[in-house]
Amino acid sequence: MAAEEIFGPNLGSLKGKTVQRGEKHVAFKPVHLPLSISAKYRSMILCIDLMFVNKIPFLITISRHVKCGTVEVMKNRKSETIVAGLKHVKQLYAKRGFKLVGCHAKTNLNQ
């Protein structure tokens, strides 16, 4: 009792017993693309890379001018799997009226 009076309550004990409150749900609202953007940037160039998180490969893409990014998990890093992921990204851009005309990727020739 004297220690609690001098130092205050045991914070570790209080944090362990405190219930975390849930956050409010974030509502998804689709954004309509302005015509000025879709007209000016009709042709897109993608920059792509593979990123690994806990040895799991992810295909990361970002468009050059609009800076729209995508992330796709890959089963492996075979060329067929990467091409399938790129086709999916191409379909996403096509749904919004864009045409992919180029793709930039860094290659590591030392492996």
PDB file of N, CA and C in Angstrom:
ATOM      1  N   MET A   1       0.825  -1.187   0.000  1.00  0.00           N
ATOM      2  CA  MET A   1       0.000   0.000   0.000  1.00  0.00           C
ATOM      3  C   MET A   1       0.867   1.246   0.000  1.00  0.00           C
ATOM      4  N   ALA A   2       1.980   1.176   0.729  1.00  0.00           N
ATOM      5  CA  ALA A   2       2.870   2.339   0.776  1.00  0.00           C
ATOM      6  C   ALA A   2       3.503   2.580  -0.594  1.00  0.00           C
ATOM      7  N   ALA A   3       3.909   1.498  -1.290  1.00  0.00           N
ATOM      8  CA  ALA A   3       4.520   1.649  -2.611  1.00  0.00           C
ATOM      9  C   ALA A   3       3.521   2.231  -3.609  1.00  0.00           C
ATOM     10  N   GLU A   4       2.287   1.778  -3.537  1.00  0.00           N
ATOM     11  CA  GLU A   4       1.268   2.311  -4.437  1.00  0.00           C
ATOM     12  C   GLU A   4       1.005   3.772  -4.143  1.00  0.00           C
ATOM     13  N   GLU A   5       1.073   4.147  -2.877  1.00  0.00           N
ATOM     14  CA  GLU A   5       0.863   5.532  -2.503  1.00  0.00           C
ATOM     15  C   GLU A   5       2.016   6.409  -2.975  1.00  0.00           C
ATOM     16  N   ILE A   6       3.254   5.879  -2.918  1.00  0.00           N
ATOM     17  CA  ILE A   6       4.424   6.651  -3.323  1.00  0.00           C
ATOM     18  C   ILE A   6       4.565   6.697  -4.850  1.00  0.00           C
ATOM     19  N   PHE A   7       4.527   5.518  -5.487  1.00  0.00           N
ATOM     20  CA  PHE A   7       4.800   5.414  -6.924  1.00  0.00           C
ATOM     21  C   PHE A   7       3.547   5.433  -7.800  1.00  0.00           C
ATOM     22  N   GLY A   8       2.407   5.313  -7.252  1.00  0.00           N
ATOM     23  CA  GLY A   8       1.184   5.264  -8.029  1.00  0.00           C
ATOM     24  C   GLY A   8       0.836   3.825  -8.371  1.00  0.00           C
ATOM     25  N   PRO A   9      -0.238   3.619  -9.112  1.00  0.00           N
ATOM     26  CA  PRO A   9      -0.652   2.257  -9.439  1.00  0.00           C
ATOM     27  C   PRO A   9       0.348   1.600 -10.408  1.00  0.00           C
ATOM     28  N   ASN A  10       0.364   0.285 -10.394  1.00  0.00           N
ATOM     29  CA  ASN A  10       1.236  -0.496 -11.262  1.00  0.00           C
ATOM     30  C   ASN A  10       0.709  -0.386 -12.702  1.00  0.00           C
ATOM     31  N   LEU A  11       1.436   0.364 -13.553  1.00  0.00           N
ATOM     32  CA  LEU A  11       0.970   0.614 -14.916  1.00  0.00           C
ATOM     33  C   LEU A  11       0.939  -0.667 -15.749  1.00  0.00           C
ATOM     34  N   GLY A  12       1.902  -1.554 -15.557  1.00  0.00           N
ATOM     35  CA  GLY A  12       1.919  -2.807 -16.304  1.00  0.00           C
ATOM     36  C   GLY A  12       0.691  -3.633 -16.018  1.00  0.00           C
ATOM     37  N   SER A  13       0.270  -3.656 -14.778  1.00  0.00           N
ATOM     38  CA  SER A  13      -0.926  -4.403 -14.396  1.00  0.00           C
ATOM     39  C   SER A  13      -2.174  -3.758 -14.983  1.00  0.00           C
ATOM     40  N   LEU A  14      -2.218  -2.426 -14.960  1.00  0.00           N
ATOM     41  CA  LEU A  14      -3.385  -1.728 -15.498  1.00  0.00           C
ATOM     42  C   LEU A  14      -3.499  -1.908 -17.015  1.00  0.00           C
ATOM     43  N   LYS A  15      -2.354  -1.836 -17.722  1.00  0.00           N
ATOM     44  CA  LYS A  15      -2.383  -1.986 -19.179  1.00  0.00           C
ATOM     45  C   LYS A  15      -2.807  -3.396 -19.567  1.00  0.00           C
ATOM     46  N   GLY A  16      -2.413  -4.372 -18.792  1.00  0.00           N
ATOM     47  CA  GLY A  16      -2.785  -5.744 -19.102  1.00  0.00           C
ATOM     48  C   GLY A  16      -4.254  -6.021 -18.878  1.00  0.00           C
ATOM     49  N   LYS A  17      -4.899  -5.252 -18.030  1.00  0.00           N
ATOM     50  CA  LYS A  17      -6.308  -5.483 -17.709  1.00  0.00           C
ATOM     51  C   LYS A  17      -7.254  -4.538 -18.449  1.00  0.00           C
ATOM     52  N   THR A  18      -6.704  -3.530 -19.117  1.00  0.00           N
ATOM     53  CA  THR A  18      -7.539  -2.572 -19.829  1.00  0.00           C
ATOM     54  C   THR A  18      -7.958  -3.160 -21.168  1.00  0.00           C
ATOM     55  N   VAL A  19      -9.234  -3.067 -21.477  1.00  0.00           N
ATOM     56  CA  VAL A  19      -9.765  -3.598 -22.728  1.00  0.00           C
ATOM     57  C   VAL A  19      -9.620  -2.547 -23.818  1.00  0.00           C
ATOM     58  N   GLN A  20      -9.090  -2.963 -24.979  1.00  0.00           N
ATOM     59  CA  GLN A  20      -8.925  -2.045 -26.091  1.00  0.00           C
ATOM     60  C   GLN A  20     -10.262  -1.840 -26.784  1.00  0.00           C
ATOM     61  N   ARG A  21     -10.590  -0.597 -27.033  1.00  0.00           N
ATOM     62  CA  ARG A  21     -11.839  -0.250 -27.690  1.00  0.00           C
ATOM     63  C   ARG A  21     -11.673  -0.384 -29.201  1.00  0.00           C
ATOM     64  N   GLY A  22     -12.665  -0.886 -29.871  1.00  0.00           N
ATOM     65  CA  GLY A  22     -12.621  -1.026 -31.325  1.00  0.00           C
ATOM     66  C   GLY A  22     -12.741   0.316 -32.016  1.00  0.00           C
ATOM     67  N   GLU A  23     -12.073   0.451 -33.144  1.00  0.00           N
ATOM     68  CA  GLU A  23     -12.132   1.686 -33.921  1.00  0.00           C
ATOM     69  C   GLU A  23     -13.385   1.681 -34.791  1.00  0.00           C
ATOM     70  N   LYS A  24     -13.775   2.861 -35.215  1.00  0.00           N
ATOM     71  CA  LYS A  24     -14.919   2.965 -36.108  1.00  0.00           C
ATOM     72  C   LYS A  24     -14.533   2.420 -37.478  1.00  0.00           C
ATOM     73  N   HIS A  25     -15.487   1.805 -38.154  1.00  0.00           N
ATOM     74  CA  HIS A  25     -15.265   1.236 -39.475  1.00  0.00           C
ATOM     75  C   HIS A  25     -15.047   2.358 -40.490  1.00  0.00           C
ATOM     76  N   VAL A  26     -14.059   2.173 -41.369  1.00  0.00           N
ATOM     77  CA  VAL A  26     -13.798   3.148 -42.416  1.00  0.00           C
ATOM     78  C   VAL A  26     -14.638   2.779 -43.625  1.00  0.00           C
ATOM     79  N   ALA A  27     -15.485   3.676 -44.035  1.00  0.00           N
ATOM     80  CA  ALA A  27     -16.376   3.419 -45.165  1.00  0.00           C
ATOM     81  C   ALA A  27     -15.633   3.628 -46.477  1.00  0.00           C
ATOM     82  N   PHE A  28     -15.856   2.734 -47.428  1.00  0.00           N
ATOM     83  CA  PHE A  28     -15.244   2.845 -48.759  1.00  0.00           C
ATOM     84  C   PHE A  28     -16.157   3.646 -49.658  1.00  0.00           C
ATOM     85  N   LYS A  29     -15.595   4.680 -50.252  1.00  0.00           N
ATOM     86  CA  LYS A  29     -16.356   5.495 -51.192  1.00  0.00           C
ATOM     87  C   LYS A  29     -15.581   5.533 -52.495  1.00  0.00           C
ATOM     88  N   PRO A  30     -16.123   4.956 -53.572  1.00  0.00           N
ATOM     89  CA  PRO A  30     -15.410   5.013 -54.849  1.00  0.00           C
ATOM     90  C   PRO A  30     -15.286   6.447 -55.337  1.00  0.00           C
ATOM     91  N   VAL A  31     -14.147   6.745 -55.918  1.00  0.00           N
ATOM     92  CA  VAL A  31     -13.882   8.088 -56.412  1.00  0.00           C
ATOM     93  C   VAL A  31     -14.012   8.076 -57.927  1.00  0.00           C
ATOM     94  N   HIS A  32     -14.780   8.999 -58.443  1.00  0.00           N
ATOM     95  CA  HIS A  32     -14.917   9.123 -59.892  1.00  0.00           C
ATOM     96  C   HIS A  32     -13.700   9.870 -60.423  1.00  0.00           C
ATOM     97  N   LEU A  33     -13.089   9.314 -61.445  1.00  0.00           N
ATOM     98  CA  LEU A  33     -11.891   9.883 -62.024  1.00  0.00           C
ATOM     99  C   LEU A  33     -12.250  11.113 -62.850  1.00  0.00           C
ATOM    100  N   PRO A  34     -11.594  12.242 -62.567  1.00  0.00           N
ATOM    101  CA  PRO A  34     -11.876  13.439 -63.363  1.00  0.00           C
ATOM    102  C   PRO A  34     -11.504  13.227 -64.830  1.00  0.00           C
ATOM    103  N   LEU A  35     -12.294  13.770 -65.732  1.00  0.00           N
ATOM    104  CA  LEU A  35     -12.044  13.618 -67.163  1.00  0.00           C
ATOM    105  C   LEU A  35     -10.711  14.222 -67.577  1.00  0.00           C
ATOM    106  N   SER A  36     -10.290  15.269 -66.881  1.00  0.00           N
ATOM    107  CA  SER A  36      -9.018  15.899 -67.243  1.00  0.00           C
ATOM    108  C   SER A  36      -7.845  14.941 -67.031  1.00  0.00           C
ATOM    109  N   ILE A  37      -7.909  14.114 -65.991  1.00  0.00           N
ATOM    110  CA  ILE A  37      -6.836  13.149 -65.733  1.00  0.00           C
ATOM    111  C   ILE A  37      -6.886  12.016 -66.748  1.00  0.00           C
ATOM    112  N   SER A  38      -8.072  11.466 -66.978  1.00  0.00           N
ATOM    113  CA  SER A  38      -8.163  10.342 -67.907  1.00  0.00           C
ATOM    114  C   SER A  38      -7.823  10.761 -69.335  1.00  0.00           C
ATOM    115  N   ALA A  39      -8.095  12.003 -69.717  1.00  0.00           N
ATOM    116  CA  ALA A  39      -7.762  12.467 -71.065  1.00  0.00           C
ATOM    117  C   ALA A  39      -6.263  12.727 -71.206  1.00  0.00           C
ATOM    118  N   LYS A  40      -5.673  13.338 -70.198  1.00  0.00           N
ATOM    119  CA  LYS A  40      -4.252  13.706 -70.279  1.00  0.00           C
ATOM    120  C   LYS A  40      -3.338  12.492 -70.157  1.00  0.00           C
ATOM    121  N   TYR A  41      -3.703  11.537 -69.310  1.00  0.00           N
ATOM    122  CA  TYR A  41      -2.841  10.382 -69.037  1.00  0.00           C
ATOM    123  C   TYR A  41      -3.463   9.085 -69.547  1.00  0.00           C
ATOM    124  N   ARG A  42      -4.014   9.102 -70.739  1.00  0.00           N
ATOM    125  CA  ARG A  42      -4.656   7.914 -71.302  1.00  0.00           C
ATOM    126  C   ARG A  42      -3.644   6.763 -71.428  1.00  0.00           C
ATOM    127  N   SER A  43      -2.419   7.056 -71.878  1.00  0.00           N
ATOM    128  CA  SER A  43      -1.374   6.042 -72.015  1.00  0.00           C
ATOM    129  C   SER A  43      -0.536   6.024 -70.742  1.00  0.00           C
ATOM    130  N   MET A  44      -0.373   4.830 -70.157  1.00  0.00           N
ATOM    131  CA  MET A  44       0.338   4.699 -68.890  1.00  0.00           C
ATOM    132  C   MET A  44       1.630   3.916 -69.044  1.00  0.00           C
ATOM    133  N   ILE A  45       2.602   4.288 -68.253  1.00  0.00           N
ATOM    134  CA  ILE A  45       3.847   3.532 -68.136  1.00  0.00           C
ATOM    135  C   ILE A  45       3.938   3.069 -66.692  1.00  0.00           C
ATOM    136  N   LEU A  46       4.158   1.769 -66.503  1.00  0.00           N
ATOM    137  CA  LEU A  46       4.266   1.197 -65.165  1.00  0.00           C
ATOM    138  C   LEU A  46       5.725   0.979 -64.785  1.00  0.00           C
ATOM    139  N   CYS A  47       6.010   1.153 -63.527  1.00  0.00           N
ATOM    140  CA  CYS A  47       7.285   0.747 -62.943  1.00  0.00           C
ATOM    141  C   CYS A  47       6.955  -0.422 -62.015  1.00  0.00           C
ATOM    142  N   ILE A  48       7.676  -1.532 -62.173  1.00  0.00           N
ATOM    143  CA  ILE A  48       7.357  -2.723 -61.390  1.00  0.00           C
ATOM    144  C   ILE A  48       8.578  -3.209 -60.634  1.00  0.00           C
ATOM    145  N   ASP A  49       8.318  -3.950 -59.570  1.00  0.00           N
ATOM    146  CA  ASP A  49       9.377  -4.571 -58.787  1.00  0.00           C
ATOM    147  C   ASP A  49       8.767  -5.727 -57.994  1.00  0.00           C
ATOM    148  N   LEU A  50       9.613  -6.642 -57.594  1.00  0.00           N
ATOM    149  CA  LEU A  50       9.211  -7.708 -56.676  1.00  0.00           C
ATOM    150  C   LEU A  50       9.731  -7.357 -55.300  1.00  0.00           C
ATOM    151  N   MET A  51       8.874  -7.465 -54.309  1.00  0.00           N
ATOM    152  CA  MET A  51       9.254  -7.188 -52.931  1.00  0.00           C
ATOM    153  C   MET A  51       8.949  -8.439 -52.120  1.00  0.00           C
ATOM    154  N   PHE A  52       9.792  -8.741 -51.158  1.00  0.00           N
ATOM    155  CA  PHE A  52       9.604  -9.928 -50.334  1.00  0.00           C
ATOM    156  C   PHE A  52       9.311  -9.521 -48.899  1.00  0.00           C
ATOM    157  N   VAL A  53       8.266 -10.120 -48.342  1.00  0.00           N
ATOM    158  CA  VAL A  53       7.927  -9.945 -46.934  1.00  0.00           C
ATOM    159  C   VAL A  53       7.838 -11.341 -46.343  1.00  0.00           C
ATOM    160  N   ASN A  54       8.717 -11.648 -45.408  1.00  0.00           N
ATOM    161  CA  ASN A  54       8.802 -12.988 -44.822  1.00  0.00           C
ATOM    162  C   ASN A  54       8.911 -14.065 -45.901  1.00  0.00           C
ATOM    163  N   LYS A  55       9.751 -13.797 -46.901  1.00  0.00           N
ATOM    164  CA  LYS A  55      10.024 -14.704 -48.019  1.00  0.00           C
ATOM    165  C   LYS A  55       8.827 -14.930 -48.940  1.00  0.00           C
ATOM    166  N   ILE A  56       7.798 -14.111 -48.827  1.00  0.00           N
ATOM    167  CA  ILE A  56       6.633 -14.187 -49.708  1.00  0.00           C
ATOM    168  C   ILE A  56       6.779 -13.087 -50.748  1.00  0.00           C
ATOM    169  N   PRO A  57       6.780 -13.445 -52.059  1.00  0.00           N
ATOM    170  CA  PRO A  57       6.957 -12.411 -53.092  1.00  0.00           C
ATOM    171  C   PRO A  57       5.670 -11.631 -53.364  1.00  0.00           C
ATOM    172  N   PHE A  58       5.828 -10.328 -53.561  1.00  0.00           N
ATOM    173  CA  PHE A  58       4.744  -9.428 -53.917  1.00  0.00           C
ATOM    174  C   PHE A  58       5.144  -8.663 -55.165  1.00  0.00           C
ATOM    175  N   LEU A  59       4.218  -8.517 -56.099  1.00  0.00           N
ATOM    176  CA  LEU A  59       4.442  -7.704 -57.281  1.00  0.00           C
ATOM    177  C   LEU A  59       3.943  -6.297 -56.971  1.00  0.00           C
ATOM    178  N   ILE A  60       4.850  -5.332 -57.022  1.00  0.00           N
ATOM    179  CA  ILE A  60       4.527  -3.940 -56.719  1.00  0.00           C
ATOM    180  C   ILE A  60       4.567  -3.161 -58.029  1.00  0.00           C
ATOM    181  N   THR A  61       3.526  -2.401 -58.311  1.00  0.00           N
ATOM    182  CA  THR A  61       3.514  -1.555 -59.507  1.00  0.00           C
ATOM    183  C   THR A  61       3.121  -0.143 -59.113  1.00  0.00           C
ATOM    184  N   ILE A  62       3.641   0.825 -59.860  1.00  0.00           N
ATOM    185  CA  ILE A  62       3.219   2.216 -59.692  1.00  0.00           C
ATOM    186  C   ILE A  62       3.261   2.872 -61.069  1.00  0.00           C
ATOM    187  N   SER A  63       2.236   3.641 -61.393  1.00  0.00           N
ATOM    188  CA  SER A  63       2.197   4.308 -62.688  1.00  0.00           C
ATOM    189  C   SER A  63       3.025   5.580 -62.612  1.00  0.00           C
ATOM    190  N   ARG A  64       3.618   5.928 -63.730  1.00  0.00           N
ATOM    191  CA  ARG A  64       4.574   7.029 -63.767  1.00  0.00           C
ATOM    192  C   ARG A  64       3.979   8.377 -63.402  1.00  0.00           C
ATOM    193  N   HIS A  65       2.898   8.790 -64.044  1.00  0.00           N
ATOM    194  CA  HIS A  65       2.414  10.155 -63.855  1.00  0.00           C
ATOM    195  C   HIS A  65       1.281  10.263 -62.843  1.00  0.00           C
ATOM    196  N   VAL A  66       0.407   9.289 -62.820  1.00  0.00           N
ATOM    197  CA  VAL A  66      -0.741   9.352 -61.913  1.00  0.00           C
ATOM    198  C   VAL A  66      -0.367   8.868 -60.515  1.00  0.00           C
ATOM    199  N   LYS A  67       0.696   8.069 -60.427  1.00  0.00           N
ATOM    200  CA  LYS A  67       1.194   7.521 -59.154  1.00  0.00           C
ATOM    201  C   LYS A  67       0.181   6.591 -58.493  1.00  0.00           C
ATOM    202  N   CYS A  68      -0.515   5.829 -59.306  1.00  0.00           N
ATOM    203  CA  CYS A  68      -1.445   4.825 -58.792  1.00  0.00           C
ATOM    204  C   CYS A  68      -0.656   3.547 -58.563  1.00  0.00           C
ATOM    205  N   GLY A  69      -0.716   3.001 -57.368  1.00  0.00           N
ATOM    206  CA  GLY A  69       0.053   1.807 -57.043  1.00  0.00           C
ATOM    207  C   GLY A  69      -0.819   0.598 -56.802  1.00  0.00           C
ATOM    208  N   THR A  70      -0.266  -0.587 -57.110  1.00  0.00           N
ATOM    209  CA  THR A  70      -0.955  -1.844 -56.832  1.00  0.00           C
ATOM    210  C   THR A  70       0.036  -2.799 -56.181  1.00  0.00           C
ATOM    211  N   VAL A  71      -0.499  -3.734 -55.427  1.00  0.00           N
ATOM    212  CA  VAL A  71       0.302  -4.779 -54.786  1.00  0.00           C
ATOM    213  C   VAL A  71      -0.436  -6.094 -54.985  1.00  0.00           C
ATOM    214  N   GLU A  72       0.281  -7.101 -55.475  1.00  0.00           N
ATOM    215  CA  GLU A  72      -0.312  -8.426 -55.669  1.00  0.00           C
ATOM    216  C   GLU A  72       0.620  -9.467 -55.078  1.00  0.00           C
ATOM    217  N   VAL A  73       0.048 -10.402 -54.339  1.00  0.00           N
ATOM    218  CA  VAL A  73       0.854 -11.491 -53.801  1.00  0.00           C
ATOM    219  C   VAL A  73       1.098 -12.510 -54.915  1.00  0.00           C
ATOM    220  N   MET A  74       2.309 -13.035 -54.958  1.00  0.00           N
ATOM    221  CA  MET A  74       2.683 -14.017 -55.975  1.00  0.00           C
ATOM    222  C   MET A  74       2.891 -15.378 -55.307  1.00  0.00           C
ATOM    223  N   LYS A  75       2.467 -16.453 -55.989  1.00  0.00           N
ATOM    224  CA  LYS A  75       2.706 -17.804 -55.451  1.00  0.00           C
ATOM    225  C   LYS A  75       4.190 -18.125 -55.488  1.00  0.00           C
ATOM    226  N   ASN A  76       4.852 -17.687 -56.553  1.00  0.00           N
ATOM    227  CA  ASN A  76       6.292 -17.883 -56.716  1.00  0.00           C
ATOM    228  C   ASN A  76       6.787 -16.751 -57.598  1.00  0.00           C
ATOM    229  N   ARG A  77       8.051 -16.781 -57.971  1.00  0.00           N
ATOM    230  CA  ARG A  77       8.575 -15.709 -58.804  1.00  0.00           C
ATOM    231  C   ARG A  77       8.952 -16.189 -60.205  1.00  0.00           C
ATOM    232  N   LYS A  78       8.226 -17.162 -60.678  1.00  0.00           N
ATOM    233  CA  LYS A  78       8.410 -17.625 -62.044  1.00  0.00           C
ATOM    234  C   LYS A  78       7.845 -16.585 -63.006  1.00  0.00           C
ATOM    235  N   SER A  79       8.389 -16.579 -64.219  1.00  0.00           N
ATOM    236  CA  SER A  79       7.969 -15.564 -65.191  1.00  0.00           C
ATOM    237  C   SER A  79       6.487 -15.675 -65.527  1.00  0.00           C
ATOM    238  N   GLU A  80       5.948 -16.908 -65.562  1.00  0.00           N
ATOM    239  CA  GLU A  80       4.528 -17.080 -65.877  1.00  0.00           C
ATOM    240  C   GLU A  80       3.651 -16.435 -64.812  1.00  0.00           C
ATOM    241  N   THR A  81       4.053 -16.557 -63.566  1.00  0.00           N
ATOM    242  CA  THR A  81       3.287 -15.983 -62.453  1.00  0.00           C
ATOM    243  C   THR A  81       3.338 -14.460 -62.503  1.00  0.00           C
ATOM    244  N   ILE A  82       4.505 -13.915 -62.813  1.00  0.00           N
ATOM    245  CA  ILE A  82       4.662 -12.460 -62.893  1.00  0.00           C
ATOM    246  C   ILE A  82       3.842 -11.915 -64.063  1.00  0.00           C
ATOM    247  N   VAL A  83       3.869 -12.601 -65.195  1.00  0.00           N
ATOM    248  CA  VAL A  83       3.088 -12.165 -66.358  1.00  0.00           C
ATOM    249  C   VAL A  83       1.597 -12.196 -66.034  1.00  0.00           C
ATOM    250  N   ALA A  84       1.142 -13.223 -65.327  1.00  0.00           N
ATOM    251  CA  ALA A  84      -0.267 -13.293 -64.934  1.00  0.00           C
ATOM    252  C   ALA A  84      -0.630 -12.118 -64.025  1.00  0.00           C
ATOM    253  N   GLY A  85       0.248 -11.764 -63.102  1.00  0.00           N
ATOM    254  CA  GLY A  85       0.010 -10.608 -62.232  1.00  0.00           C
ATOM    255  C   GLY A  85      -0.045  -9.309 -63.023  1.00  0.00           C
ATOM    256  N   LEU A  86       0.838  -9.171 -64.011  1.00  0.00           N
ATOM    257  CA  LEU A  86       0.833  -7.971 -64.846  1.00  0.00           C
ATOM    258  C   LEU A  86      -0.428  -7.886 -65.701  1.00  0.00           C
ATOM    259  N   LYS A  87      -0.911  -9.035 -66.172  1.00  0.00           N
ATOM    260  CA  LYS A  87      -2.162  -9.042 -66.941  1.00  0.00           C
ATOM    261  C   LYS A  87      -3.325  -8.578 -66.074  1.00  0.00           C
ATOM    262  N   HIS A  88      -3.320  -8.987 -64.811  1.00  0.00           N
ATOM    263  CA  HIS A  88      -4.381  -8.553 -63.897  1.00  0.00           C
ATOM    264  C   HIS A  88      -4.313  -7.041 -63.683  1.00  0.00           C
ATOM    265  N   VAL A  89      -3.103  -6.511 -63.509  1.00  0.00           N
ATOM    266  CA  VAL A  89      -2.945  -5.062 -63.337  1.00  0.00           C
ATOM    267  C   VAL A  89      -3.395  -4.334 -64.607  1.00  0.00           C
ATOM    268  N   LYS A  90      -3.060  -4.886 -65.764  1.00  0.00           N
ATOM    269  CA  LYS A  90      -3.467  -4.287 -67.040  1.00  0.00           C
ATOM    270  C   LYS A  90      -4.991  -4.218 -67.137  1.00  0.00           C
ATOM    271  N   GLN A  91      -5.671  -5.273 -66.683  1.00  0.00           N
ATOM    272  CA  GLN A  91      -7.131  -5.282 -66.693  1.00  0.00           C
ATOM    273  C   GLN A  91      -7.699  -4.205 -65.773  1.00  0.00           C
ATOM    274  N   LEU A  92      -7.059  -3.999 -64.610  1.00  0.00           N
ATOM    275  CA  LEU A  92      -7.515  -2.958 -63.684  1.00  0.00           C
ATOM    276  C   LEU A  92      -7.440  -1.576 -64.330  1.00  0.00           C
ATOM    277  N   TYR A  93      -6.326  -1.317 -65.012  1.00  0.00           N
ATOM    278  CA  TYR A  93      -6.174  -0.024 -65.683  1.00  0.00           C
ATOM    279  C   TYR A  93      -7.157   0.096 -66.851  1.00  0.00           C
ATOM    280  N   ALA A  94      -7.375  -0.993 -67.583  1.00  0.00           N
ATOM    281  CA  ALA A  94      -8.290  -0.964 -68.723  1.00  0.00           C
ATOM    282  C   ALA A  94      -9.721  -0.658 -68.273  1.00  0.00           C
ATOM    283  N   LYS A  95     -10.114  -1.145 -67.105  1.00  0.00           N
ATOM    284  CA  LYS A  95     -11.465  -0.864 -66.587  1.00  0.00           C
ATOM    285  C   LYS A  95     -11.677   0.631 -66.371  1.00  0.00           C
ATOM    286  N   ARG A  96     -10.604   1.350 -66.066  1.00  0.00           N
ATOM    287  CA  ARG A  96     -10.698   2.790 -65.829  1.00  0.00           C
ATOM    288  C   ARG A  96     -10.416   3.599 -67.092  1.00  0.00           C
ATOM    289  N   GLY A  97     -10.181   2.903 -68.227  1.00  0.00           N
ATOM    290  CA  GLY A  97     -10.000   3.602 -69.492  1.00  0.00           C
ATOM    291  C   GLY A  97      -8.561   3.923 -69.843  1.00  0.00           C
ATOM    292  N   PHE A  98      -7.599   3.326 -69.154  1.00  0.00           N
ATOM    293  CA  PHE A  98      -6.191   3.585 -69.432  1.00  0.00           C
ATOM    294  C   PHE A  98      -5.604   2.455 -70.264  1.00  0.00           C
ATOM    295  N   LYS A  99      -4.552   2.770 -70.999  1.00  0.00           N
ATOM    296  CA  LYS A  99      -3.862   1.775 -71.807  1.00  0.00           C
ATOM    297  C   LYS A  99      -2.401   1.743 -71.368  1.00  0.00           C
ATOM    298  N   LEU A 100      -1.908   0.558 -71.015  1.00  0.00           N
ATOM    299  CA  LEU A 100      -0.507   0.418 -70.625  1.00  0.00           C
ATOM    300  C   LEU A 100       0.342   0.308 -71.883  1.00  0.00           C
ATOM    301  N   VAL A 101       1.285   1.219 -72.025  1.00  0.00           N
ATOM    302  CA  VAL A 101       2.127   1.234 -73.215  1.00  0.00           C
ATOM    303  C   VAL A 101       3.568   0.844 -72.911  1.00  0.00           C
ATOM    304  N   GLY A 102       3.935   0.791 -71.660  1.00  0.00           N
ATOM    305  CA  GLY A 102       5.309   0.446 -71.317  1.00  0.00           C
ATOM    306  C   GLY A 102       5.424  -0.023 -69.886  1.00  0.00           C
ATOM    307  N   CYS A 103       6.545  -0.684 -69.617  1.00  0.00           N
ATOM    308  CA  CYS A 103       6.781  -1.227 -68.278  1.00  0.00           C
ATOM    309  C   CYS A 103       8.277  -1.148 -67.988  1.00  0.00           C
ATOM    310  N   HIS A 104       8.629  -0.592 -66.857  1.00  0.00           N
ATOM    311  CA  HIS A 104      10.020  -0.479 -66.453  1.00  0.00           C
ATOM    312  C   HIS A 104      10.253  -1.366 -65.243  1.00  0.00           C
ATOM    313  N   ALA A 105      11.334  -2.132 -65.308  1.00  0.00           N
ATOM    314  CA  ALA A 105      11.681  -3.015 -64.184  1.00  0.00           C
ATOM    315  C   ALA A 105      13.189  -3.076 -64.074  1.00  0.00           C
ATOM    316  N   LYS A 106      13.681  -3.088 -62.868  1.00  0.00           N
ATOM    317  CA  LYS A 106      15.118  -3.235 -62.619  1.00  0.00           C
ATOM    318  C   LYS A 106      15.435  -4.731 -62.642  1.00  0.00           C
ATOM    319  N   THR A 107      16.460  -5.103 -63.356  1.00  0.00           N
ATOM    320  CA  THR A 107      16.858  -6.493 -63.373  1.00  0.00           C
ATOM    321  C   THR A 107      18.141  -6.655 -62.580  1.00  0.00           C
ATOM    322  N   ASN A 108      18.243  -7.779 -61.895  1.00  0.00           N
ATOM    323  CA  ASN A 108      19.441  -8.082 -61.118  1.00  0.00           C
ATOM    324  C   ASN A 108      20.164  -9.220 -61.844  1.00  0.00           C
ATOM    325  N   LEU A 109      21.180  -8.878 -62.609  1.00  0.00           N
ATOM    326  CA  LEU A 109      21.892  -9.867 -63.399  1.00  0.00           C
ATOM    327  C   LEU A 109      22.938 -10.621 -62.588  1.00  0.00           C
ATOM    328  N   ASN A 110      23.162 -10.230 -61.341  1.00  0.00           N
ATOM    329  CA  ASN A 110      24.183 -10.881 -60.516  1.00  0.00           C
ATOM    330  C   ASN A 110      23.700 -12.174 -59.890  1.00  0.00           C
ATOM    331  N   GLN A 111      22.428 -12.477 -59.956  1.00  0.00           N
ATOM    332  CA  GLN A 111      21.910 -13.691 -59.319  1.00  0.00           C
ATOM    333  C   GLN A 111      22.019 -14.870 -60.244  1.00  0.00           C
TER     334      GLN A 111
END
